[in-house]
Protein backbone atom coordinates (compact mmCIF):
# COMPACT_ATOMS: atom_id res chain seq x y z
CA UNK A 1 8.68 11.89 -8.04
CA UNK A 2 9.17 8.90 -5.80
CA UNK A 3 6.71 5.96 -6.28
CA UNK A 4 5.97 3.96 -3.27
CA UNK A 5 3.68 0.84 -3.34
CA UNK A 6 2.14 0.09 0.03
CA UNK A 7 1.33 -3.13 1.69
CA UNK A 8 -1.79 -3.49 3.96
CA UNK A 9 0.37 -3.40 6.95
CA UNK A 10 1.55 0.18 6.11
CA UNK A 11 -2.05 1.56 5.90
CA UNK A 12 -3.09 -0.26 9.12
CA UNK A 13 -0.03 1.05 10.99
CA UNK A 14 -0.85 4.54 9.91
CA UNK A 15 -4.54 4.46 11.32
CA UNK A 16 -3.99 2.42 14.42
CA UNK A 17 -1.66 2.64 17.31
CA UNK A 18 -0.73 -0.98 17.12
CA UNK A 19 2.87 -0.27 16.74
CA UNK A 20 4.00 3.24 17.56
CA UNK A 21 7.23 2.84 15.92
CA UNK A 22 5.86 1.69 12.79
CA UNK A 23 3.32 4.56 12.88
CA UNK A 24 6.11 7.02 13.19
CA UNK A 25 7.91 5.49 10.24
CA UNK A 26 4.73 5.53 8.01
CA UNK A 27 3.41 9.11 8.76
CA UNK A 28 5.84 10.97 6.53
CA UNK A 29 4.64 8.87 3.58
CA UNK A 30 0.95 9.91 4.13
CA UNK A 31 1.90 13.51 4.97
CA UNK A 32 3.95 13.64 1.57
CA UNK A 33 0.98 12.01 -0.08
CA UNK A 34 -1.35 14.55 1.01
CA UNK A 35 0.81 17.21 -0.17
CA UNK A 36 1.31 15.23 -3.65
CA UNK A 37 5.07 15.24 -3.01
CA UNK A 38 5.12 11.26 -3.67
CA UNK A 39 3.07 8.92 -5.49
CA UNK A 40 1.75 6.41 -3.10
CA UNK A 41 0.53 3.40 -5.23
CA UNK A 42 -2.08 1.22 -3.45
CA UNK A 43 -3.01 -2.02 -5.19
CA UNK A 44 -6.87 -2.30 -4.78
CA UNK A 45 -6.61 -5.60 -3.00
CA UNK A 46 -4.93 -3.65 -0.17
CA UNK A 47 -8.06 -1.73 0.40
CA UNK A 48 -10.00 -5.00 0.74
CA UNK A 49 -7.51 -6.35 3.05
CA UNK A 50 -7.78 -3.00 5.14
CA UNK A 51 -11.44 -3.36 5.39
CA UNK A 52 -11.31 -6.89 6.43
CA UNK A 53 -8.60 -6.45 9.08
CA UNK A 54 -10.10 -3.13 10.49
CA UNK A 55 -13.63 -4.72 10.70
CA UNK A 56 -12.88 -8.25 11.86
CA UNK A 57 -9.66 -7.63 13.77
CA UNK A 58 -9.89 -4.21 15.16
CA UNK A 59 -13.75 -4.02 15.34
CA UNK A 60 -14.03 -0.63 13.80
CA UNK A 61 -17.49 0.17 12.35
CA UNK A 62 -17.92 -0.01 8.61
CA UNK A 63 -18.98 3.64 8.66
CA UNK A 64 -15.67 4.67 10.01
CA UNK A 65 -13.65 2.45 7.86
CA UNK A 66 -15.52 3.79 4.92
CA UNK A 67 -14.60 7.39 6.07
CA UNK A 68 -10.84 6.32 6.38
CA UNK A 69 -10.79 5.07 3.00
CA UNK A 70 -12.48 8.08 1.56
CA UNK A 71 -9.90 10.21 3.15
CA UNK A 72 -7.12 8.16 2.00
CA UNK A 73 -8.22 8.00 -1.63
CA UNK A 74 -8.86 11.67 -1.60
CA UNK A 75 -5.12 12.33 -0.97
CA UNK A 76 -3.76 13.97 -4.07
CA UNK A 77 -0.55 11.67 -3.97
CA UNK A 78 -2.43 8.46 -3.66
CA UNK A 79 -3.26 6.12 -6.64
CA UNK A 80 -5.32 3.18 -6.54
CA UNK A 81 -4.33 0.52 -9.13
CA UNK A 82 -5.65 -2.70 -10.23
CA UNK A 83 -3.38 -3.36 -13.21
CA UNK A 84 -0.56 -5.73 -13.07
CA UNK A 85 0.68 -8.72 -15.20
CA UNK A 86 -1.30 -12.03 -14.33
CA UNK A 87 1.37 -13.77 -16.21
CA UNK A 88 3.93 -12.55 -13.72
CA UNK A 89 1.66 -13.02 -10.78
CA UNK A 90 1.40 -16.75 -11.49
CA UNK A 91 5.11 -16.96 -12.02
CA UNK A 92 5.53 -15.70 -8.42
CA UNK A 93 2.51 -17.23 -6.65
CA UNK A 94 2.33 -19.74 -4.99
CA UNK A 95 5.78 -20.98 -5.66
CA UNK A 96 8.17 -17.94 -4.94
CA UNK A 97 5.75 -15.81 -2.91
CA UNK A 98 3.29 -17.99 -0.74
CA UNK A 99 0.65 -15.20 0.00
CA UNK A 100 -1.53 -14.05 -3.14
CA UNK A 101 -1.77 -10.50 -1.88
CA UNK A 102 2.15 -10.34 -1.58
CA UNK A 103 2.45 -11.62 -5.01
CA UNK A 104 0.10 -8.90 -6.36
CA UNK A 105 2.33 -6.30 -4.62
CA UNK A 106 5.42 -7.70 -6.19
CA UNK A 107 3.74 -8.04 -9.67
CA UNK A 108 2.52 -4.39 -9.27
CA UNK A 109 6.15 -3.33 -8.19
CA UNK A 110 7.58 -4.95 -11.46
CA UNK A 111 5.26 -3.00 -13.42
CA UNK A 112 5.93 0.41 -12.08
CA UNK A 113 9.57 1.84 -13.23
CA UNK A 114 11.36 3.14 -10.31
CA UNK A 115 9.06 2.08 -7.44
CA UNK A 116 9.80 0.78 -4.09
CA UNK A 117 7.64 -1.09 -1.76
CA UNK A 118 6.88 -0.24 1.90
CA UNK A 119 6.03 -3.07 4.00
CA UNK A 120 6.76 -4.42 7.48
CA UNK A 121 6.04 -8.11 6.51
CA UNK A 122 9.41 -9.95 7.01
CA UNK A 123 8.42 -12.77 4.56
CA UNK A 124 7.35 -10.28 1.90
CA UNK A 125 10.59 -8.31 2.45
CA UNK A 126 12.75 -11.43 1.95
CA UNK A 127 10.80 -12.44 -1.28
CA UNK A 128 11.14 -8.99 -2.68
CA UNK A 129 14.85 -9.09 -2.24
CA UNK A 130 15.28 -12.30 -3.93
CA UNK A 131 13.47 -10.63 -6.91
CA UNK A 132 15.60 -7.61 -6.91
CA UNK A 133 12.49 -5.30 -6.10
CA UNK A 134 13.57 -2.23 -4.10
CA UNK A 135 12.36 -1.66 -0.67
CA UNK A 136 11.32 1.67 0.88
CA UNK A 137 13.93 2.50 3.46
CA UNK A 138 12.27 3.60 6.72
CA UNK A 139 13.40 6.90 8.22
CA UNK A 140 11.80 8.82 11.18
């Protein structure tokens, strides 16, 4: 089974029309997660960032955000994780990876054998490449 660690921008691109091309790329991930064909790994901080962005940036009601999160978490192929190596996190952040949340994703990826990271964040992509952390290849 494939293991895909998602960044916040992947989840936001799925539920919004902010970028139709990104939405078309991420949709197969969530369709496969709903069928339990893949293992979508979501660090718990991604959920916190998702709530913040949907509430503060997009103005979505908290009730609707809550419903979206419940639906996402209920997918059989979704796994919320909160465990990663803090030693590794502090080796990465803030020196090699400037953003704390991005360092959490990298530390999580290092702890899951065979995992790839799905993100549209160019700075994170560059950092992951220097760390030899595999990236999800986007296909429509």
